[in-house]
Amino acid sequence: MSLGRALAGVAALAVAGAIGWQVYERLEEVNSASPERRPASRTVPVEAAEIETGVIEERRQFTGTLNAFEEFVVAPKVSGRIEEITVDLADTVTRGQVVARLDNAEYIQALNQAEADLAVAEANLAEAESLLAIAERELRRIETLSQRGVSSESERDTAMANQLARAAHVEVSRAQLTRARAAVETARIRLGYSAVSAGWRGGSHVRVVAERYVDEGETVAANAPLLRIVELDPVVGVFFVTERDYGLLRRGQAVELRTDAYPGEVFAGEIARISPVFRENARQARVELRVANPDLRLKPGMFVRASVQLERVPDAVIVPDLALVVRDGQTGVFRVSDDGSTAKWHAVQAGIREGDRVQLVDSTLRGRVVTLGHQLLDDGSPISVEGGSR
């Protein structure tokens, strides 16, 4: 602090002390005097401040924790030995990227076996269809001879039965071929599962590895966790509110976040969700914030302090809270006359409080208000403003 500022501060304290002492002496004089000896009118030394017009906000402070906006665990759909993990902790992952590979020799062999079975099934069908064609020609020949009276009825029945058997064999062969094709497709899918990819729907195209559970060379079962992958832009802030504050919050309200990791910095967010129920054990409701995090500086697990903007008035009439005084159960202020000689009482309704500033609701007051010395004032009392306006 400079010497000039220090001297100015000492001077301000001296003026306030002088005014306070004069007020004290005035109170003692008035209280000690008999009613007939009390002065009817005496100039009262006061201190005054300008009435401001500007923005004022009402805020609540909460503490909470940051969570990932989305997260999921990558796990293989088949068992096997891990040959390679292509990403590690804090690495970025794109949608659909292969993050691990399993030993696939067994699955390749299974695919080769399935393809061989498919070839056999195709050959069996071809053979069955050829035998059916022969049986159909034999049946037509027997029927022609039967019409000429050369063939007997029993020969015709035998040819027909053979034709029906061959047709049934063709249907069985076709079913076996369908099953073989399905087995090949299954083997191909299982082989594909040996390359473990990170896929998700919606959200950002890029996410980050938050945790790694296994190392290369380990044998894992199907659905065993390999990696935890999170989305960090945006992040979600979570805090809990009591019944007193619950009714003041709504979706879309602006929030300012601060964290010890970045002293002096403010991160902007807004309320995204408010729980419709309270936790019975704590009588608190969960509130979730959404905070943009394009540079990924905010991390899940960080402790944060959230300042929620409950209300904002852009053109409020504002006075120092020291100007408010209660007379006969009514709140008001003493406005200094334009020439600075008297103070007039004005009843007011206090609104938003921000620090040591108070909004006057539906007020058109302008000028200055008394902030020190109003204990001795009545409506219209003569005054002398000490130290100028603040």
Protein backbone atom coordinates (compact mmCIF):
# COMPACT_ATOMS: atom_id res chain seq x y z
CA MET A 1 0.00 0.00 0.00
CA SER A 2 1.37 3.50 -0.92
CA LEU A 3 1.96 6.25 1.61
CA GLY A 4 -0.80 8.36 0.00
CA ARG A 5 -3.37 5.62 0.41
CA ALA A 6 -2.32 5.04 4.02
CA LEU A 7 -2.68 8.74 4.86
CA ALA A 8 -6.09 8.85 3.13
CA GLY A 9 -7.24 5.89 5.17
CA VAL A 10 -6.08 7.51 8.43
CA ALA A 11 -7.89 10.72 7.49
CA ALA A 12 -11.13 8.83 6.72
CA LEU A 13 -10.95 7.05 10.08
CA ALA A 14 -10.35 10.37 11.83
CA VAL A 15 -13.42 11.93 10.17
CA ALA A 16 -15.61 8.95 11.04
CA GLY A 17 -14.31 9.03 14.61
CA ALA A 18 -15.05 12.73 14.93
CA ILE A 19 -18.58 12.26 13.64
CA GLY A 20 -19.13 9.31 15.94
CA TRP A 21 -17.89 11.29 18.94
CA GLN A 22 -20.15 14.21 18.08
CA VAL A 23 -23.10 11.83 17.71
CA TYR A 24 -22.28 10.28 21.07
CA GLU A 25 -22.05 13.71 22.74
CA ARG A 26 -25.28 14.77 21.08
CA LEU A 27 -27.06 11.63 22.33
CA GLU A 28 -25.74 12.20 25.86
CA GLU A 29 -26.84 15.83 25.78
CA VAL A 30 -30.32 15.01 24.51
CA ASN A 31 -30.83 12.11 26.91
CA SER A 32 -29.63 14.06 29.95
CA ALA A 33 -31.59 17.24 29.26
CA SER A 34 -35.06 17.75 30.61
CA PRO A 35 -37.83 17.92 28.00
CA GLU A 36 -38.21 21.68 28.40
CA ARG A 37 -34.43 22.25 28.04
CA ARG A 38 -33.84 19.95 25.01
CA PRO A 39 -32.99 21.96 21.90
CA ALA A 40 -35.75 22.05 19.32
CA SER A 41 -33.40 22.20 16.42
CA ARG A 42 -29.65 21.74 16.22
CA THR A 43 -27.45 20.97 13.27
CA VAL A 44 -26.43 17.32 13.35
CA PRO A 45 -23.07 16.30 11.85
CA VAL A 46 -23.52 13.32 9.53
CA GLU A 47 -21.72 11.37 6.86
CA ALA A 48 -23.42 10.69 3.54
CA ALA A 49 -22.99 8.53 0.44
CA GLU A 50 -24.22 8.81 -3.11
CA ILE A 51 -27.26 6.82 -4.20
CA GLU A 52 -26.09 4.57 -7.03
CA THR A 53 -27.91 3.22 -10.04
CA GLY A 54 -26.56 0.04 -11.58
CA VAL A 55 -26.38 -3.73 -11.55
CA ILE A 56 -26.90 -5.68 -8.36
CA GLU A 57 -27.02 -9.45 -7.95
CA GLU A 58 -28.20 -11.82 -5.26
CA ARG A 59 -26.04 -14.93 -4.89
CA ARG A 60 -25.74 -18.06 -2.78
CA GLN A 61 -22.50 -19.91 -2.09
CA PHE A 62 -22.30 -23.72 -2.16
CA THR A 63 -19.49 -26.27 -2.08
CA GLY A 64 -19.37 -29.37 -4.20
CA THR A 65 -17.35 -31.72 -6.40
CA LEU A 66 -16.72 -32.04 -10.12
CA ASN A 67 -17.74 -35.22 -11.96
CA ALA A 68 -17.20 -36.40 -15.51
CA PHE A 69 -20.04 -35.52 -17.87
CA GLU A 70 -20.07 -39.09 -19.23
CA GLU A 71 -18.00 -42.16 -18.46
CA PHE A 72 -17.94 -45.86 -19.24
CA VAL A 73 -15.73 -48.89 -18.70
CA VAL A 74 -14.19 -50.61 -21.72
CA ALA A 75 -14.39 -54.42 -21.44
CA PRO A 76 -13.79 -57.25 -23.95
CA LYS A 77 -16.73 -59.34 -25.07
CA VAL A 78 -14.56 -62.48 -25.21
CA SER A 79 -11.89 -63.91 -22.94
CA GLY A 80 -8.21 -64.10 -23.82
CA ARG A 81 -4.67 -62.95 -23.14
CA ILE A 82 -3.97 -59.26 -23.66
CA GLU A 83 -1.35 -58.79 -26.34
CA GLU A 84 -1.46 -54.99 -26.55
CA ILE A 85 -3.07 -51.97 -24.91
CA THR A 86 -2.75 -49.00 -27.26
CA VAL A 87 -3.61 -46.22 -24.77
CA ASP A 88 -2.66 -45.32 -21.22
CA LEU A 89 -3.74 -43.03 -18.41
CA ALA A 90 -4.66 -39.46 -19.56
CA ASP A 91 -4.43 -40.39 -23.27
CA THR A 92 -7.19 -39.14 -25.56
CA VAL A 93 -9.44 -41.64 -27.30
CA THR A 94 -11.56 -41.05 -30.39
CA ARG A 95 -14.92 -42.68 -30.98
CA GLY A 96 -14.47 -46.26 -32.28
CA GLN A 97 -10.69 -46.38 -31.67
CA VAL A 98 -9.12 -49.78 -30.94
CA VAL A 99 -7.69 -49.54 -27.42
CA ALA A 100 -6.61 -53.17 -26.81
CA ARG A 101 -5.94 -56.41 -28.67
CA LEU A 102 -6.33 -59.96 -27.38
CA ASP A 103 -4.48 -63.07 -28.56
CA ASN A 104 -6.67 -64.10 -31.50
CA ALA A 105 -5.01 -67.37 -32.62
CA GLU A 106 -7.85 -69.45 -31.17
CA TYR A 107 -10.47 -67.29 -32.84
CA ILE A 108 -8.69 -67.45 -36.20
CA GLN A 109 -8.64 -71.25 -35.93
CA ALA A 110 -12.33 -71.26 -35.05
CA LEU A 111 -13.06 -69.16 -38.15
CA ASN A 112 -11.04 -71.52 -40.35
CA GLN A 113 -12.96 -74.50 -38.96
CA ALA A 114 -16.28 -72.77 -39.54
CA GLU A 115 -15.34 -71.90 -43.11
CA ALA A 116 -14.35 -75.55 -43.75
CA ASP A 117 -17.68 -76.72 -42.36
CA LEU A 118 -19.37 -74.22 -44.67
CA ALA A 119 -17.57 -75.67 -47.67
CA VAL A 120 -18.70 -79.18 -46.67
CA ALA A 121 -22.26 -77.98 -46.28
CA GLU A 122 -22.20 -76.35 -49.70
CA ALA A 123 -20.89 -79.61 -51.25
CA ASN A 124 -23.53 -81.67 -49.47
CA LEU A 125 -26.24 -79.39 -50.80
CA ALA A 126 -24.89 -79.64 -54.33
CA GLU A 127 -24.83 -83.46 -54.04
CA ALA A 128 -28.35 -83.56 -52.63
CA GLU A 129 -29.68 -81.33 -55.41
CA SER A 130 -28.02 -83.62 -58.05
CA LEU A 131 -29.54 -86.73 -56.51
CA LEU A 132 -32.94 -85.00 -56.41
CA ALA A 133 -32.67 -84.14 -60.09
CA ILE A 134 -31.88 -87.80 -60.91
CA ALA A 135 -34.79 -89.01 -58.80
CA GLU A 136 -37.18 -86.59 -60.52
CA ARG A 137 -36.08 -87.77 -63.98
CA GLU A 138 -36.52 -91.41 -62.90
CA LEU A 139 -40.00 -90.66 -61.61
CA ARG A 140 -40.99 -89.01 -64.91
CA ARG A 141 -39.63 -91.98 -66.87
CA ILE A 142 -41.59 -94.49 -64.76
CA GLU A 143 -44.76 -92.42 -65.13
CA THR A 144 -44.32 -92.39 -68.94
CA LEU A 145 -43.83 -96.18 -69.02
CA SER A 146 -46.81 -96.62 -66.71
CA GLN A 147 -49.02 -94.73 -69.17
CA ARG A 148 -47.93 -97.14 -71.91
CA GLY A 149 -48.64 -100.11 -69.67
CA VAL A 150 -45.02 -101.15 -69.53
CA SER A 151 -44.28 -100.18 -65.93
CA SER A 152 -46.02 -101.57 -62.87
CA GLU A 153 -47.68 -99.53 -60.09
CA SER A 154 -45.09 -100.68 -57.55
CA GLU A 155 -42.23 -99.32 -59.65
CA ARG A 156 -44.00 -95.97 -59.83
CA ASP A 157 -44.47 -95.93 -56.03
CA THR A 158 -40.81 -96.76 -55.49
CA ALA A 159 -39.67 -93.95 -57.82
CA MET A 160 -41.98 -91.47 -56.11
CA ALA A 161 -40.71 -92.41 -52.64
CA ASN A 162 -37.13 -92.01 -53.82
CA GLN A 163 -37.91 -88.58 -55.24
CA LEU A 164 -39.53 -87.44 -51.98
CA ALA A 165 -36.56 -88.68 -49.94
CA ARG A 166 -34.14 -86.80 -52.18
CA ALA A 167 -36.19 -83.62 -51.86
CA ALA A 168 -36.17 -83.93 -48.07
CA HIS A 169 -32.40 -84.47 -48.16
CA VAL A 170 -32.05 -81.24 -50.15
CA GLU A 171 -34.01 -79.30 -47.48
CA VAL A 172 -31.82 -80.78 -44.73
CA SER A 173 -28.69 -79.86 -46.66
CA ARG A 174 -29.96 -76.29 -47.12
CA ALA A 175 -30.60 -75.99 -43.38
CA GLN A 176 -27.12 -77.31 -42.65
CA LEU A 177 -25.68 -74.76 -45.07
CA THR A 178 -27.56 -71.92 -43.29
CA ARG A 179 -26.21 -73.13 -39.96
CA ALA A 180 -22.67 -73.32 -41.35
CA ARG A 181 -22.92 -69.77 -42.69
CA ALA A 182 -24.13 -68.56 -39.30
CA ALA A 183 -21.23 -70.34 -37.61
CA VAL A 184 -18.79 -68.58 -39.95
CA GLU A 185 -20.35 -65.20 -39.16
CA THR A 186 -20.20 -65.96 -35.43
CA ALA A 187 -16.54 -66.92 -35.70
CA ARG A 188 -15.80 -63.70 -37.59
CA ILE A 189 -17.60 -61.63 -34.96
CA ARG A 190 -15.72 -63.33 -32.12
CA LEU A 191 -12.48 -62.76 -33.99
CA GLY A 192 -13.43 -59.10 -34.31
CA TYR A 193 -14.05 -58.95 -30.57
CA SER A 194 -10.37 -59.71 -30.00
CA ALA A 195 -9.74 -56.11 -31.09
CA VAL A 196 -11.35 -54.12 -28.26
CA SER A 197 -12.65 -50.72 -29.33
CA ALA A 198 -14.06 -47.78 -27.39
CA GLY A 199 -17.40 -46.85 -28.84
CA TRP A 200 -20.05 -44.52 -27.46
CA ARG A 201 -23.07 -42.59 -28.66
CA GLY A 202 -23.57 -38.85 -28.39
CA GLY A 203 -21.38 -36.28 -26.72
CA SER A 204 -17.90 -35.30 -27.77
CA HIS A 205 -15.96 -37.24 -30.42
CA VAL A 206 -12.90 -37.32 -28.14
CA ARG A 207 -12.66 -38.58 -24.56
CA VAL A 208 -9.87 -39.28 -22.07
CA VAL A 209 -8.59 -42.41 -20.32
CA ALA A 210 -9.24 -41.89 -16.61
CA GLU A 211 -8.11 -45.27 -15.29
CA ARG A 212 -6.31 -48.42 -16.50
CA TYR A 213 -7.10 -51.71 -14.76
CA VAL A 214 -4.87 -54.33 -16.47
CA ASP A 215 -1.48 -54.74 -18.12
CA GLU A 216 -0.34 -56.49 -21.26
CA GLY A 217 0.14 -60.22 -20.84
CA GLU A 218 -2.72 -60.71 -18.40
CA THR A 219 -5.50 -63.14 -19.21
CA VAL A 220 -8.92 -61.62 -18.77
CA ALA A 221 -12.44 -63.02 -18.82
CA ALA A 222 -15.24 -61.67 -20.95
CA ASN A 223 -16.60 -58.37 -19.60
CA ALA A 224 -13.57 -57.83 -17.33
CA PRO A 225 -12.82 -54.06 -17.06
CA LEU A 226 -9.80 -52.82 -19.00
CA LEU A 227 -10.09 -49.02 -19.06
CA ARG A 228 -12.34 -46.25 -17.72
CA ILE A 229 -12.94 -43.54 -20.28
CA VAL A 230 -14.52 -40.19 -19.43
CA GLU A 231 -15.77 -37.08 -21.22
CA LEU A 232 -14.34 -33.90 -19.73
CA ASP A 233 -15.96 -31.24 -21.87
CA PRO A 234 -18.24 -30.27 -20.34
CA VAL A 235 -17.81 -31.37 -16.71
CA VAL A 236 -20.57 -31.71 -14.14
CA GLY A 237 -20.49 -29.98 -10.78
CA VAL A 238 -22.53 -31.56 -8.00
CA PHE A 239 -23.61 -29.96 -4.74
CA PHE A 240 -26.48 -30.46 -2.30
CA VAL A 241 -28.92 -27.87 -1.00
CA THR A 242 -31.26 -27.70 1.97
CA GLU A 243 -34.96 -26.92 1.86
CA ARG A 244 -34.22 -23.24 2.59
CA ASP A 245 -32.32 -22.78 -0.68
CA TYR A 246 -34.12 -25.38 -2.81
CA GLY A 247 -36.97 -23.10 -3.84
CA LEU A 248 -34.56 -20.38 -4.97
CA LEU A 249 -32.86 -22.51 -7.61
CA ARG A 250 -34.02 -23.26 -11.13
CA ARG A 251 -32.59 -24.76 -14.30
CA GLY A 252 -30.57 -22.37 -16.40
CA GLN A 253 -29.38 -20.16 -13.54
CA ALA A 254 -25.85 -18.84 -14.04
CA VAL A 255 -23.13 -20.22 -11.77
CA GLU A 256 -19.56 -19.09 -11.11
CA LEU A 257 -17.13 -21.83 -10.01
CA ARG A 258 -13.85 -21.42 -8.21
CA THR A 259 -11.31 -24.07 -7.25
CA ASP A 260 -8.07 -24.02 -5.29
CA ALA A 261 -6.31 -25.58 -8.28
CA TYR A 262 -6.59 -22.25 -10.14
CA PRO A 263 -6.61 -19.43 -7.56
CA GLY A 264 -8.29 -16.24 -8.73
CA GLU A 265 -9.91 -17.83 -11.79
CA VAL A 266 -13.66 -18.06 -12.32
CA PHE A 267 -15.31 -20.73 -14.49
CA ALA A 268 -18.78 -20.12 -15.87
CA GLY A 269 -21.55 -22.70 -15.79
CA GLU A 270 -25.27 -23.11 -15.30
CA ILE A 271 -27.66 -25.32 -13.37
CA ALA A 272 -28.56 -28.31 -15.55
CA ARG A 273 -30.59 -30.55 -13.23
CA ILE A 274 -32.28 -30.30 -9.84
CA SER A 275 -33.33 -33.48 -8.08
CA PRO A 276 -37.10 -33.74 -7.47
CA VAL A 277 -36.53 -35.56 -4.16
CA PHE A 278 -34.55 -35.00 -0.97
CA ARG A 279 -32.22 -37.55 0.59
CA GLU A 280 -33.95 -38.60 3.79
CA ASN A 281 -30.80 -39.02 5.85
CA ALA A 282 -29.50 -35.50 5.13
CA ARG A 283 -32.66 -33.64 4.04
CA GLN A 284 -30.79 -32.32 1.03
CA ALA A 285 -31.44 -32.37 -2.71
CA ARG A 286 -28.84 -32.95 -5.43
CA VAL A 287 -28.10 -30.13 -7.88
CA GLU A 288 -26.02 -30.65 -11.03
CA LEU A 289 -24.18 -27.92 -12.92
CA ARG A 290 -22.84 -28.04 -16.46
CA VAL A 291 -19.50 -26.28 -16.93
CA ALA A 292 -17.73 -25.81 -20.27
CA ASN A 293 -14.19 -27.21 -20.16
CA PRO A 294 -12.70 -26.87 -23.65
CA ASP A 295 -9.09 -26.89 -22.45
CA LEU A 296 -9.74 -29.85 -20.07
CA ARG A 297 -8.27 -28.00 -17.09
CA LEU A 298 -11.09 -28.94 -14.74
CA LYS A 299 -10.88 -32.55 -13.57
CA PRO A 300 -13.41 -34.90 -11.95
CA GLY A 301 -12.93 -35.06 -8.20
CA MET A 302 -11.90 -31.43 -7.77
CA PHE A 303 -13.44 -29.55 -4.85
CA VAL A 304 -15.26 -26.42 -6.05
CA ARG A 305 -17.11 -23.45 -4.61
CA ALA A 306 -20.20 -22.52 -6.60
CA SER A 307 -21.70 -19.06 -6.54
CA VAL A 308 -25.25 -19.20 -7.91
CA GLN A 309 -26.86 -16.08 -9.27
CA LEU A 310 -30.38 -16.13 -7.86
CA GLU A 311 -31.48 -12.75 -9.17
CA ARG A 312 -30.02 -9.88 -11.17
CA VAL A 313 -31.39 -6.35 -11.54
CA PRO A 314 -29.56 -4.34 -14.22
CA ASP A 315 -30.79 -0.84 -13.26
CA ALA A 316 -31.35 -0.99 -9.52
CA VAL A 317 -31.33 1.93 -7.08
CA ILE A 318 -28.58 1.04 -4.58
CA VAL A 319 -27.56 2.47 -1.21
CA PRO A 320 -25.03 1.35 1.41
CA ASP A 321 -26.58 -0.93 4.02
CA LEU A 322 -25.44 1.61 6.65
CA ALA A 323 -28.04 4.00 5.25
CA LEU A 324 -30.97 1.82 6.30
CA VAL A 325 -32.62 2.71 9.58
CA VAL A 326 -35.78 1.43 11.27
CA ARG A 327 -38.21 3.94 12.77
CA ASP A 328 -41.49 2.83 14.34
CA GLY A 329 -41.12 -0.60 12.74
CA GLN A 330 -40.63 0.85 9.27
CA THR A 331 -37.42 0.70 7.22
CA GLY A 332 -36.24 3.89 5.56
CA VAL A 333 -33.37 6.20 4.71
CA PHE A 334 -32.58 9.88 5.30
CA ARG A 335 -31.98 11.64 2.01
CA VAL A 336 -29.75 14.69 2.06
CA SER A 337 -31.36 17.75 0.54
CA ASP A 338 -29.85 19.14 -2.64
CA ASP A 339 -28.23 22.01 -0.74
CA GLY A 340 -26.97 19.62 1.97
CA SER A 341 -28.70 21.47 4.81
CA THR A 342 -31.44 19.03 5.87
CA ALA A 343 -32.26 15.31 5.85
CA LYS A 344 -35.67 14.04 4.80
CA TRP A 345 -37.04 10.66 5.84
CA HIS A 346 -38.12 8.25 3.07
CA ALA A 347 -39.70 4.88 3.78
CA VAL A 348 -38.18 2.21 1.51
CA GLN A 349 -38.38 -1.50 0.82
CA ALA A 350 -35.05 -3.29 0.88
CA GLY A 351 -34.45 -5.80 -1.91
CA ILE A 352 -31.33 -7.63 -3.02
CA ARG A 353 -28.28 -7.43 -0.76
CA GLU A 354 -24.82 -7.74 -2.28
CA GLY A 355 -22.03 -7.26 0.23
CA ASP A 356 -22.55 -3.87 1.87
CA ARG A 357 -24.93 -2.68 -0.88
CA VAL A 358 -28.73 -2.87 -0.77
CA GLN A 359 -31.29 -2.46 -3.52
CA LEU A 360 -34.24 -0.14 -2.91
CA VAL A 361 -37.28 -1.75 -4.53
CA ASP A 362 -39.47 0.48 -6.73
CA SER A 363 -37.55 3.56 -5.67
CA THR A 364 -36.70 6.70 -7.64
CA LEU A 365 -34.47 8.32 -5.03
CA ARG A 366 -31.46 10.24 -6.28
CA GLY A 367 -28.75 12.24 -4.58
CA ARG A 368 -27.20 11.29 -1.23
CA VAL A 369 -28.31 9.39 1.87
CA VAL A 370 -27.06 9.62 5.44
CA THR A 371 -24.85 6.69 6.44
CA LEU A 372 -23.60 7.87 9.84
CA GLY A 373 -25.36 10.08 12.38
CA HIS A 374 -28.98 9.29 11.48
CA GLN A 375 -29.69 8.17 15.08
CA LEU A 376 -30.26 11.86 15.97
CA LEU A 377 -32.28 12.75 12.91
CA ASP A 378 -35.94 13.33 12.39
CA ASP A 379 -37.69 14.16 9.16
CA GLY A 380 -36.38 17.56 8.11
CA SER A 381 -33.58 17.81 10.69
CA PRO A 382 -30.81 20.31 9.90
CA ILE A 383 -27.51 18.60 9.16
CA SER A 384 -23.92 19.30 8.21
CA VAL A 385 -22.30 16.72 5.98
CA GLU A 386 -18.81 15.95 7.19
CA GLY A 387 -16.09 14.53 4.97
CA GLY A 388 -18.08 14.77 1.72
CA SER A 389 -19.85 11.89 0.06
CA ARG A 390 -18.25 8.48 -0.25
